Amino acid sequence: LNVSWTVVTGTAIGFVVRYSTDSGTETDPPSDATKRPGITATSTTLTGLQSGTTYYVWVAAEILGAGVQGPYSMKVSGIAYSVPGTPTNLMISPPSGSCDQLMVTWT
């Protein structure tokens, strides 16, 4: 699941991303939400998620010099999808009675 955000002007040195299948509240992730601190870019990819499952995501800034974390953003949600595997048993053949078409099948 790819997540990106816009930086609000300030003294952020990094970001904390929390995510969960529990929707929590608009600005508070549940206490058991997975935490990914130390992100320095304005995007990240959440991996190892269950395909077809909705995840809720919150982002907070790590504040320069204060040693603290700012408040969490409003939550957003997305559905994780797995990339299908490489097709196997690829077959190309002309359909019955056709000379100007090809049929492609795979498993």
PDB file of N, CA and C in Angstrom:
ATOM      1  N   LEU A   1       0.862  -1.158   0.000  1.00  0.00           N
ATOM      2  CA  LEU A   1       0.000   0.000   0.000  1.00  0.00           C
ATOM      3  C   LEU A   1       0.909   1.220   0.000  1.00  0.00           C
ATOM      4  N   ASN A   2       0.806   2.050  -1.017  1.00  0.00           N
ATOM      5  CA  ASN A   2       1.625   3.262  -1.111  1.00  0.00           C
ATOM      6  C   ASN A   2       0.921   4.405  -0.406  1.00  0.00           C
ATOM      7  N   VAL A   3       1.658   5.114   0.430  1.00  0.00           N
ATOM      8  CA  VAL A   3       1.116   6.229   1.202  1.00  0.00           C
ATOM      9  C   VAL A   3       2.006   7.441   0.965  1.00  0.00           C
ATOM     10  N   SER A   4       1.400   8.597   0.688  1.00  0.00           N
ATOM     11  CA  SER A   4       2.177   9.835   0.552  1.00  0.00           C
ATOM     12  C   SER A   4       1.411  10.965   1.210  1.00  0.00           C
ATOM     13  N   TRP A   5       2.135  12.030   1.566  1.00  0.00           N
ATOM     14  CA  TRP A   5       1.532  13.160   2.257  1.00  0.00           C
ATOM     15  C   TRP A   5       2.284  14.429   1.916  1.00  0.00           C
ATOM     16  N   THR A   6       1.668  15.555   2.240  1.00  0.00           N
ATOM     17  CA  THR A   6       2.265  16.867   2.001  1.00  0.00           C
ATOM     18  C   THR A   6       2.794  17.404   3.320  1.00  0.00           C
ATOM     19  N   VAL A   7       3.978  17.976   3.290  1.00  0.00           N
ATOM     20  CA  VAL A   7       4.592  18.524   4.495  1.00  0.00           C
ATOM     21  C   VAL A   7       3.974  19.882   4.815  1.00  0.00           C
ATOM     22  N   VAL A   8       3.594  20.043   6.065  1.00  0.00           N
ATOM     23  CA  VAL A   8       3.152  21.349   6.548  1.00  0.00           C
ATOM     24  C   VAL A   8       4.409  22.099   6.976  1.00  0.00           C
ATOM     25  N   THR A   9       4.502  23.375   6.614  1.00  0.00           N
ATOM     26  CA  THR A   9       5.688  24.159   6.956  1.00  0.00           C
ATOM     27  C   THR A   9       5.958  24.064   8.449  1.00  0.00           C
ATOM     28  N   GLY A  10       7.210  23.839   8.795  1.00  0.00           N
ATOM     29  CA  GLY A  10       7.560  23.711  10.205  1.00  0.00           C
ATOM     30  C   GLY A  10       8.931  23.099  10.363  1.00  0.00           C
ATOM     31  N   THR A  11       9.136  22.471  11.476  1.00  0.00           N
ATOM     32  CA  THR A  11      10.458  21.960  11.829  1.00  0.00           C
ATOM     33  C   THR A  11      10.509  20.437  11.902  1.00  0.00           C
ATOM     34  N   ALA A  12       9.765  19.777  11.044  1.00  0.00           N
ATOM     35  CA  ALA A  12       9.755  18.312  11.048  1.00  0.00           C
ATOM     36  C   ALA A  12      11.094  17.771  10.564  1.00  0.00           C
ATOM     37  N   ILE A  13      11.597  16.769  11.266  1.00  0.00           N
ATOM     38  CA  ILE A  13      12.831  16.100  10.847  1.00  0.00           C
ATOM     39  C   ILE A  13      12.544  14.720  10.264  1.00  0.00           C
ATOM     40  N   GLY A  14      11.325  14.300  10.406  1.00  0.00           N
ATOM     41  CA  GLY A  14      10.922  12.988   9.907  1.00  0.00           C
ATOM     42  C   GLY A  14       9.461  12.772  10.211  1.00  0.00           C
ATOM     43  N   PHE A  15       9.022  11.543   9.959  1.00  0.00           N
ATOM     44  CA  PHE A  15       7.607  11.242  10.123  1.00  0.00           C
ATOM     45  C   PHE A  15       7.422   9.873  10.754  1.00  0.00           C
ATOM     46  N   VAL A  16       6.311   9.720  11.445  1.00  0.00           N
ATOM     47  CA  VAL A  16       5.894   8.449  12.022  1.00  0.00           C
ATOM     48  C   VAL A  16       4.609   8.053  11.310  1.00  0.00           C
ATOM     49  N   VAL A  17       4.572   6.846  10.778  1.00  0.00           N
ATOM     50  CA  VAL A  17       3.365   6.329  10.126  1.00  0.00           C
ATOM     51  C   VAL A  17       2.847   5.182  10.986  1.00  0.00           C
ATOM     52  N   ARG A  18       1.546   5.224  11.265  1.00  0.00           N
ATOM     53  CA  ARG A  18       0.906   4.117  11.980  1.00  0.00           C
ATOM     54  C   ARG A  18      -0.225   3.595  11.118  1.00  0.00           C
ATOM     55  N   TYR A  19      -0.415   2.277  11.123  1.00  0.00           N
ATOM     56  CA  TYR A  19      -1.481   1.692  10.314  1.00  0.00           C
ATOM     57  C   TYR A  19      -2.081   0.486  11.009  1.00  0.00           C
ATOM     58  N   SER A  20      -3.366   0.234  10.674  1.00  0.00           N
ATOM     59  CA  SER A  20      -4.099  -0.832  11.332  1.00  0.00           C
ATOM     60  C   SER A  20      -5.326  -1.190  10.504  1.00  0.00           C
ATOM     61  N   THR A  21      -5.870  -2.377  10.744  1.00  0.00           N
ATOM     62  CA  THR A  21      -7.155  -2.737  10.149  1.00  0.00           C
ATOM     63  C   THR A  21      -8.298  -2.221  11.022  1.00  0.00           C
ATOM     64  N   ASP A  22      -7.984  -1.757  12.219  1.00  0.00           N
ATOM     65  CA  ASP A  22      -8.957  -1.142  13.131  1.00  0.00           C
ATOM     66  C   ASP A  22      -9.009   0.345  12.807  1.00  0.00           C
ATOM     67  N   SER A  23     -10.192   0.893  12.615  1.00  0.00           N
ATOM     68  CA  SER A  23     -10.317   2.277  12.157  1.00  0.00           C
ATOM     69  C   SER A  23      -9.984   3.329  13.204  1.00  0.00           C
ATOM     70  N   GLY A  24      -9.830   2.968  14.451  1.00  0.00           N
ATOM     71  CA  GLY A  24      -9.489   3.959  15.472  1.00  0.00           C
ATOM     72  C   GLY A  24     -10.443   5.146  15.411  1.00  0.00           C
ATOM     73  N   THR A  25      -9.918   6.361  15.670  1.00  0.00           N
ATOM     74  CA  THR A  25     -10.713   7.576  15.510  1.00  0.00           C
ATOM     75  C   THR A  25     -10.107   8.386  14.380  1.00  0.00           C
ATOM     76  N   GLU A  26     -10.733   9.497  14.048  1.00  0.00           N
ATOM     77  CA  GLU A  26     -10.243  10.311  12.925  1.00  0.00           C
ATOM     78  C   GLU A  26      -8.779  10.726  13.087  1.00  0.00           C
ATOM     79  N   THR A  27      -8.363  11.064  14.298  1.00  0.00           N
ATOM     80  CA  THR A  27      -6.991  11.546  14.504  1.00  0.00           C
ATOM     81  C   THR A  27      -6.205  10.729  15.522  1.00  0.00           C
ATOM     82  N   ASP A  28      -6.723   9.582  15.913  1.00  0.00           N
ATOM     83  CA  ASP A  28      -6.014   8.734  16.880  1.00  0.00           C
ATOM     84  C   ASP A  28      -5.995   7.285  16.425  1.00  0.00           C
ATOM     85  N   PRO A  29      -4.812   6.759  16.110  1.00  0.00           N
ATOM     86  CA  PRO A  29      -4.742   5.339  15.760  1.00  0.00           C
ATOM     87  C   PRO A  29      -4.992   4.487  17.006  1.00  0.00           C
ATOM     88  N   PRO A  30      -5.462   3.252  16.830  1.00  0.00           N
ATOM     89  CA  PRO A  30      -5.615   2.371  17.992  1.00  0.00           C
ATOM     90  C   PRO A  30      -4.248   2.082  18.609  1.00  0.00           C
ATOM     91  N   SER A  31      -4.234   1.768  19.888  1.00  0.00           N
ATOM     92  CA  SER A  31      -2.962   1.568  20.596  1.00  0.00           C
ATOM     93  C   SER A  31      -2.138   0.425  20.020  1.00  0.00           C
ATOM     94  N   ASP A  32      -2.771  -0.554  19.380  1.00  0.00           N
ATOM     95  CA  ASP A  32      -2.020  -1.678  18.825  1.00  0.00           C
ATOM     96  C   ASP A  32      -1.673  -1.499  17.341  1.00  0.00           C
ATOM     97  N   ALA A  33      -1.874  -0.289  16.809  1.00  0.00           N
ATOM     98  CA  ALA A  33      -1.533  -0.026  15.400  1.00  0.00           C
ATOM     99  C   ALA A  33      -0.028  -0.177  15.187  1.00  0.00           C
ATOM    100  N   THR A  34       0.360  -0.734  14.059  1.00  0.00           N
ATOM    101  CA  THR A  34       1.771  -0.881  13.718  1.00  0.00           C
ATOM    102  C   THR A  34       2.387   0.496  13.550  1.00  0.00           C
ATOM    103  N   LYS A  35       3.585   0.685  14.103  1.00  0.00           N
ATOM    104  CA  LYS A  35       4.258   1.990  14.077  1.00  0.00           C
ATOM    105  C   LYS A  35       5.536   1.906  13.259  1.00  0.00           C
ATOM    106  N   ARG A  36       5.706   2.832  12.304  1.00  0.00           N
ATOM    107  CA  ARG A  36       6.931   2.925  11.507  1.00  0.00           C
ATOM    108  C   ARG A  36       7.524   4.315  11.698  1.00  0.00           C
ATOM    109  N   PRO A  37       8.438   4.492  12.665  1.00  0.00           N
ATOM    110  CA  PRO A  37       9.058   5.799  12.898  1.00  0.00           C
ATOM    111  C   PRO A  37      10.258   6.016  11.982  1.00  0.00           C
ATOM    112  N   GLY A  38      10.771   7.240  11.982  1.00  0.00           N
ATOM    113  CA  GLY A  38      12.024   7.542  11.293  1.00  0.00           C
ATOM    114  C   GLY A  38      11.938   7.623   9.791  1.00  0.00           C
ATOM    115  N   ILE A  39      10.779   7.866   9.242  1.00  0.00           N
ATOM    116  CA  ILE A  39      10.639   8.013   7.792  1.00  0.00           C
ATOM    117  C   ILE A  39      11.022   9.438   7.434  1.00  0.00           C
ATOM    118  N   THR A  40      11.966   9.615   6.519  1.00  0.00           N
ATOM    119  CA  THR A  40      12.437  10.968   6.181  1.00  0.00           C
ATOM    120  C   THR A  40      11.866  11.497   4.874  1.00  0.00           C
ATOM    121  N   ALA A  41      11.228  10.648   4.100  1.00  0.00           N
ATOM    122  CA  ALA A  41      10.598  11.085   2.848  1.00  0.00           C
ATOM    123  C   ALA A  41       9.124  11.403   3.114  1.00  0.00           C
ATOM    124  N   THR A  42       8.418  11.909   2.109  1.00  0.00           N
ATOM    125  CA  THR A  42       6.993  12.201   2.260  1.00  0.00           C
ATOM    126  C   THR A  42       6.135  11.109   1.622  1.00  0.00           C
ATOM    127  N   SER A  43       6.691   9.920   1.562  1.00  0.00           N
ATOM    128  CA  SER A  43       5.932   8.761   1.098  1.00  0.00           C
ATOM    129  C   SER A  43       6.609   7.496   1.605  1.00  0.00           C
ATOM    130  N   THR A  44       5.840   6.440   1.659  1.00  0.00           N
ATOM    131  CA  THR A  44       6.374   5.144   2.055  1.00  0.00           C
ATOM    132  C   THR A  44       5.471   4.054   1.491  1.00  0.00           C
ATOM    133  N   THR A  45       5.992   2.857   1.421  1.00  0.00           N
ATOM    134  CA  THR A  45       5.208   1.710   0.990  1.00  0.00           C
ATOM    135  C   THR A  45       5.078   0.761   2.172  1.00  0.00           C
ATOM    136  N   LEU A  46       3.843   0.443   2.517  1.00  0.00           N
ATOM    137  CA  LEU A  46       3.581  -0.502   3.596  1.00  0.00           C
ATOM    138  C   LEU A  46       3.529  -1.889   2.978  1.00  0.00           C
ATOM    139  N   THR A  47       4.371  -2.779   3.458  1.00  0.00           N
ATOM    140  CA  THR A  47       4.481  -4.115   2.879  1.00  0.00           C
ATOM    141  C   THR A  47       4.025  -5.174   3.883  1.00  0.00           C
ATOM    142  N   GLY A  48       3.851  -6.389   3.390  1.00  0.00           N
ATOM    143  CA  GLY A  48       3.473  -7.500   4.254  1.00  0.00           C
ATOM    144  C   GLY A  48       2.017  -7.442   4.694  1.00  0.00           C
ATOM    145  N   LEU A  49       1.194  -6.716   3.940  1.00  0.00           N
ATOM    146  CA  LEU A  49      -0.207  -6.563   4.304  1.00  0.00           C
ATOM    147  C   LEU A  49      -1.053  -7.676   3.682  1.00  0.00           C
ATOM    148  N   GLN A  50      -2.216  -7.901   4.244  1.00  0.00           N
ATOM    149  CA  GLN A  50      -3.142  -8.920   3.750  1.00  0.00           C
ATOM    150  C   GLN A  50      -3.892  -8.380   2.541  1.00  0.00           C
ATOM    151  N   SER A  51      -3.786  -9.042   1.401  1.00  0.00           N
ATOM    152  CA  SER A  51      -4.445  -8.601   0.172  1.00  0.00           C
ATOM    153  C   SER A  51      -5.965  -8.561   0.343  1.00  0.00           C
ATOM    154  N   GLY A  52      -6.573  -7.499  -0.180  1.00  0.00           N
ATOM    155  CA  GLY A  52      -8.021  -7.343  -0.117  1.00  0.00           C
ATOM    156  C   GLY A  52      -8.519  -6.771   1.198  1.00  0.00           C
ATOM    157  N   THR A  53      -7.614  -6.419   2.095  1.00  0.00           N
ATOM    158  CA  THR A  53      -7.980  -5.904   3.414  1.00  0.00           C
ATOM    159  C   THR A  53      -7.846  -4.384   3.445  1.00  0.00           C
ATOM    160  N   THR A  54      -8.802  -3.712   4.102  1.00  0.00           N
ATOM    161  CA  THR A  54      -8.740  -2.262   4.261  1.00  0.00           C
ATOM    162  C   THR A  54      -7.832  -1.923   5.439  1.00  0.00           C
ATOM    163  N   TYR A  55      -6.906  -0.991   5.200  1.00  0.00           N
ATOM    164  CA  TYR A  55      -6.010  -0.495   6.241  1.00  0.00           C
ATOM    165  C   TYR A  55      -6.257   0.992   6.440  1.00  0.00           C
ATOM    166  N   TYR A  56      -6.138   1.436   7.690  1.00  0.00           N
ATOM    167  CA  TYR A  56      -6.280   2.849   8.048  1.00  0.00           C
ATOM    168  C   TYR A  56      -4.896   3.361   8.415  1.00  0.00           C
ATOM    169  N   VAL A  57      -4.579   4.575   7.954  1.00  0.00           N
ATOM    170  CA  VAL A  57      -3.220   5.109   8.103  1.00  0.00           C
ATOM    171  C   VAL A  57      -3.275   6.510   8.709  1.00  0.00           C
ATOM    172  N   TRP A  58      -2.352   6.770   9.644  1.00  0.00           N
ATOM    173  CA  TRP A  58      -2.175   8.079  10.267  1.00  0.00           C
ATOM    174  C   TRP A  58      -0.709   8.462  10.140  1.00  0.00           C
ATOM    175  N   VAL A  59      -0.417   9.745   9.970  1.00  0.00           N
ATOM    176  CA  VAL A  59       0.964  10.230   9.867  1.00  0.00           C
ATOM    177  C   VAL A  59       1.152  11.361  10.869  1.00  0.00           C
ATOM    178  N   ALA A  60       2.308  11.386  11.522  1.00  0.00           N
ATOM    179  CA  ALA A  60       2.658  12.476  12.436  1.00  0.00           C
ATOM    180  C   ALA A  60       4.092  12.902  12.151  1.00  0.00           C
ATOM    181  N   ALA A  61       4.377  14.173  12.398  1.00  0.00           N
ATOM    182  CA  ALA A  61       5.739  14.683  12.219  1.00  0.00           C
ATOM    183  C   ALA A  61       6.555  14.458  13.484  1.00  0.00           C
ATOM    184  N   GLU A  62       7.858  14.183  13.306  1.00  0.00           N
ATOM    185  CA  GLU A  62       8.798  14.183  14.424  1.00  0.00           C
ATOM    186  C   GLU A  62       9.388  15.589  14.434  1.00  0.00           C
ATOM    187  N   ILE A  63       9.310  16.277  15.559  1.00  0.00           N
ATOM    188  CA  ILE A  63       9.635  17.700  15.639  1.00  0.00           C
ATOM    189  C   ILE A  63      11.107  17.919  15.967  1.00  0.00           C
ATOM    190  N   LEU A  64      11.771  18.748  15.143  1.00  0.00           N
ATOM    191  CA  LEU A  64      13.189  19.077  15.311  1.00  0.00           C
ATOM    192  C   LEU A  64      13.441  19.738  16.652  1.00  0.00           C
ATOM    193  N   GLY A  65      14.422  19.238  17.381  1.00  0.00           N
ATOM    194  CA  GLY A  65      14.873  19.856  18.621  1.00  0.00           C
ATOM    195  C   GLY A  65      13.985  19.594  19.822  1.00  0.00           C
ATOM    196  N   ALA A  66      12.761  19.179  19.595  1.00  0.00           N
ATOM    197  CA  ALA A  66      11.852  18.973  20.723  1.00  0.00           C
ATOM    198  C   ALA A  66      11.888  17.531  21.230  1.00  0.00           C
ATOM    199  N   GLY A  67      12.363  16.628  20.387  1.00  0.00           N
ATOM    200  CA  GLY A  67      12.399  15.226  20.783  1.00  0.00           C
ATOM    201  C   GLY A  67      11.011  14.638  20.975  1.00  0.00           C
ATOM    202  N   VAL A  68      10.035  15.243  20.336  1.00  0.00           N
ATOM    203  CA  VAL A  68       8.665  14.773  20.482  1.00  0.00           C
ATOM    204  C   VAL A  68       8.032  14.572  19.108  1.00  0.00           C
ATOM    205  N   GLN A  69       6.879  14.023  19.148  1.00  0.00           N
ATOM    206  CA  GLN A  69       6.108  13.775  17.935  1.00  0.00           C
ATOM    207  C   GLN A  69       4.904  14.705  17.929  1.00  0.00           C
ATOM    208  N   GLY A  70       4.582  15.240  16.761  1.00  0.00           N
ATOM    209  CA  GLY A  70       3.407  16.090  16.628  1.00  0.00           C
ATOM    210  C   GLY A  70       2.130  15.268  16.626  1.00  0.00           C
ATOM    211  N   PRO A  71       0.990  15.934  16.503  1.00  0.00           N
ATOM    212  CA  PRO A  71      -0.283  15.214  16.457  1.00  0.00           C
ATOM    213  C   PRO A  71      -0.429  14.423  15.160  1.00  0.00           C
ATOM    214  N   TYR A  72      -1.258  13.399  15.202  1.00  0.00           N
ATOM    215  CA  TYR A  72      -1.502  12.598  14.008  1.00  0.00           C
ATOM    216  C   TYR A  72      -2.428  13.318  13.036  1.00  0.00           C
ATOM    217  N   SER A  73      -2.246  13.008  11.776  1.00  0.00           N
ATOM    218  CA  SER A  73      -3.121  13.513  10.716  1.00  0.00           C
ATOM    219  C   SER A  73      -4.500  12.882  10.837  1.00  0.00           C
ATOM    220  N   MET A  74      -5.423  13.374  10.030  1.00  0.00           N
ATOM    221  CA  MET A  74      -6.702  12.682   9.869  1.00  0.00           C
ATOM    222  C   MET A  74      -6.382  11.341   9.222  1.00  0.00           C
ATOM    223  N   LYS A  75      -7.120  10.315   9.582  1.00  0.00           N
ATOM    224  CA  LYS A  75      -6.855   8.993   9.004  1.00  0.00           C
ATOM    225  C   LYS A  75      -7.289   8.957   7.544  1.00  0.00           C
ATOM    226  N   VAL A  76      -6.611   8.124   6.796  1.00  0.00           N
ATOM    227  CA  VAL A  76      -7.013   7.788   5.431  1.00  0.00           C
ATOM    228  C   VAL A  76      -7.087   6.274   5.368  1.00  0.00           C
ATOM    229  N   SER A  77      -7.776   5.761   4.374  1.00  0.00           N
ATOM    230  CA  SER A  77      -7.865   4.305   4.256  1.00  0.00           C
ATOM    231  C   SER A  77      -7.525   3.884   2.838  1.00  0.00           C
ATOM    232  N   GLY A  78      -7.088   2.667   2.719  1.00  0.00           N
ATOM    233  CA  GLY A  78      -6.781   2.078   1.427  1.00  0.00           C
ATOM    234  C   GLY A  78      -6.874   0.576   1.524  1.00  0.00           C
ATOM    235  N   ILE A  79      -7.037  -0.051   0.384  1.00  0.00           N
ATOM    236  CA  ILE A  79      -7.119  -1.512   0.336  1.00  0.00           C
ATOM    237  C   ILE A  79      -5.822  -2.051  -0.255  1.00  0.00           C
ATOM    238  N   ALA A  80      -5.199  -2.973   0.458  1.00  0.00           N
ATOM    239  CA  ALA A  80      -3.955  -3.580  -0.008  1.00  0.00           C
ATOM    240  C   ALA A  80      -4.272  -4.667  -1.031  1.00  0.00           C
ATOM    241  N   TYR A  81      -3.511  -4.680  -2.109  1.00  0.00           N
ATOM    242  CA  TYR A  81      -3.656  -5.718  -3.119  1.00  0.00           C
ATOM    243  C   TYR A  81      -2.293  -6.315  -3.422  1.00  0.00           C
ATOM    244  N   SER A  82      -2.255  -7.618  -3.604  1.00  0.00           N
ATOM    245  CA  SER A  82      -1.015  -8.297  -3.972  1.00  0.00           C
ATOM    246  C   SER A  82      -0.873  -8.291  -5.485  1.00  0.00           C
ATOM    247  N   VAL A  83       0.349  -8.198  -5.939  1.00  0.00           N
ATOM    248  CA  VAL A  83       0.632  -8.315  -7.367  1.00  0.00           C
ATOM    249  C   VAL A  83       0.521  -9.788  -7.726  1.00  0.00           C
ATOM    250  N   PRO A  84      -0.220 -10.116  -8.773  1.00  0.00           N
ATOM    251  CA  PRO A  84      -0.330 -11.532  -9.141  1.00  0.00           C
ATOM    252  C   PRO A  84       1.024 -12.110  -9.548  1.00  0.00           C
ATOM    253  N   GLY A  85       1.158 -13.383  -9.387  1.00  0.00           N
ATOM    254  CA  GLY A  85       2.398 -14.050  -9.772  1.00  0.00           C
ATOM    255  C   GLY A  85       2.591 -14.088 -11.277  1.00  0.00           C
ATOM    256  N   THR A  86       3.766 -14.486 -11.688  1.00  0.00           N
ATOM    257  CA  THR A  86       4.089 -14.599 -13.104  1.00  0.00           C
ATOM    258  C   THR A  86       3.259 -15.711 -13.736  1.00  0.00           C
ATOM    259  N   PRO A  87       2.632 -15.426 -14.877  1.00  0.00           N
ATOM    260  CA  PRO A  87       1.868 -16.484 -15.541  1.00  0.00           C
ATOM    261  C   PRO A  87       2.768 -17.666 -15.899  1.00  0.00           C
ATOM    262  N   THR A  88       2.199 -18.847 -15.843  1.00  0.00           N
ATOM    263  CA  THR A  88       2.924 -20.058 -16.243  1.00  0.00           C
ATOM    264  C   THR A  88       2.121 -20.770 -17.333  1.00  0.00           C
ATOM    265  N   ASN A  89       2.743 -21.722 -17.966  1.00  0.00           N
ATOM    266  CA  ASN A  89       2.106 -22.516 -19.020  1.00  0.00           C
ATOM    267  C   ASN A  89       1.503 -21.638 -20.115  1.00  0.00           C
ATOM    268  N   LEU A  90       2.245 -20.653 -20.552  1.00  0.00           N
ATOM    269  CA  LEU A  90       1.798 -19.749 -21.608  1.00  0.00           C
ATOM    270  C   LEU A  90       1.666 -20.509 -22.922  1.00  0.00           C
ATOM    271  N   MET A  91       0.493 -20.381 -23.552  1.00  0.00           N
ATOM    272  CA  MET A  91       0.224 -21.056 -24.823  1.00  0.00           C
ATOM    273  C   MET A  91      -0.326 -20.043 -25.811  1.00  0.00           C
ATOM    274  N   ILE A  92       0.197 -20.046 -27.023  1.00  0.00           N
ATOM    275  CA  ILE A  92      -0.310 -19.197 -28.092  1.00  0.00           C
ATOM    276  C   ILE A  92      -0.701 -20.115 -29.245  1.00  0.00           C
ATOM    277  N   SER A  93      -1.947 -19.992 -29.685  1.00  0.00           N
ATOM    278  CA  SER A  93      -2.420 -20.861 -30.768  1.00  0.00           C
ATOM    279  C   SER A  93      -3.518 -20.140 -31.548  1.00  0.00           C
ATOM    280  N   PRO A  94      -3.685 -20.497 -32.824  1.00  0.00           N
ATOM    281  CA  PRO A  94      -4.786 -19.899 -33.596  1.00  0.00           C
ATOM    282  C   PRO A  94      -6.100 -20.541 -33.175  1.00  0.00           C
ATOM    283  N   PRO A  95      -7.169 -19.707 -32.993  1.00  0.00           N
ATOM    284  CA  PRO A  95      -8.474 -20.296 -32.703  1.00  0.00           C
ATOM    285  C   PRO A  95      -8.926 -21.163 -33.872  1.00  0.00           C
ATOM    286  N   SER A  96      -9.766 -22.089 -33.602  1.00  0.00           N
ATOM    287  CA  SER A  96     -10.271 -23.004 -34.629  1.00  0.00           C
ATOM    288  C   SER A  96     -10.881 -22.236 -35.796  1.00  0.00           C
ATOM    289  N   GLY A  97     -10.378 -22.500 -36.997  1.00  0.00           N
ATOM    290  CA  GLY A  97     -10.908 -21.895 -38.210  1.00  0.00           C
ATOM    291  C   GLY A  97     -10.455 -20.470 -38.458  1.00  0.00           C
ATOM    292  N   SER A  98      -9.466 -19.959 -37.714  1.00  0.00           N
ATOM    293  CA  SER A  98      -9.030 -18.572 -37.910  1.00  0.00           C
ATOM    294  C   SER A  98      -7.562 -18.533 -38.316  1.00  0.00           C
ATOM    295  N   CYS A  99      -7.267 -17.700 -39.302  1.00  0.00           N
ATOM    296  CA  CYS A  99      -5.882 -17.544 -39.747  1.00  0.00           C
ATOM    297  C   CYS A  99      -5.306 -16.176 -39.356  1.00  0.00           C
ATOM    298  N   ASP A 100      -6.171 -15.248 -38.917  1.00  0.00           N
ATOM    299  CA  ASP A 100      -5.694 -13.892 -38.648  1.00  0.00           C
ATOM    300  C   ASP A 100      -5.833 -13.509 -37.167  1.00  0.00           C
ATOM    301  N   GLN A 101      -5.964 -14.488 -36.286  1.00  0.00           N
ATOM    302  CA  GLN A 101      -6.064 -14.234 -34.851  1.00  0.00           C
ATOM    303  C   GLN A 101      -5.203 -15.224 -34.103  1.00  0.00           C
ATOM    304  N   LEU A 102      -4.837 -14.849 -32.869  1.00  0.00           N
ATOM    305  CA  LEU A 102      -4.120 -15.759 -31.977  1.00  0.00           C
ATOM    306  C   LEU A 102      -4.872 -15.802 -30.647  1.00  0.00           C
ATOM    307  N   MET A 103      -4.871 -16.951 -30.016  1.00  0.00           N
ATOM    308  CA  MET A 103      -5.458 -17.100 -28.692  1.00  0.00           C
ATOM    309  C   MET A 103      -4.302 -17.313 -27.709  1.00  0.00           C
ATOM    310  N   VAL A 104      -4.299 -16.533 -26.611  1.00  0.00           N
ATOM    311  CA  VAL A 104      -3.270 -16.651 -25.597  1.00  0.00           C
ATOM    312  C   VAL A 104      -3.934 -17.170 -24.328  1.00  0.00           C
ATOM    313  N   THR A 105      -3.388 -18.245 -23.762  1.00  0.00           N
ATOM    314  CA  THR A 105      -3.895 -18.793 -22.511  1.00  0.00           C
ATOM    315  C   THR A 105      -2.733 -19.015 -21.551  1.00  0.00           C
ATOM    316  N   TRP A 106      -3.042 -18.987 -20.276  1.00  0.00           N
ATOM    317  CA  TRP A 106      -2.029 -19.241 -19.237  1.00  0.00           C
ATOM    318  C   TRP A 106      -2.721 -19.647 -17.959  1.00  0.00           C
ATOM    319  N   THR A 107      -1.909 -20.133 -17.004  1.00  0.00           N
ATOM    320  CA  THR A 107      -2.438 -20.470 -15.674  1.00  0.00           C
ATOM    321  C   THR A 107      -1.701 -19.666 -14.635  1.00  0.00           C
TER     322      THR A 107
END
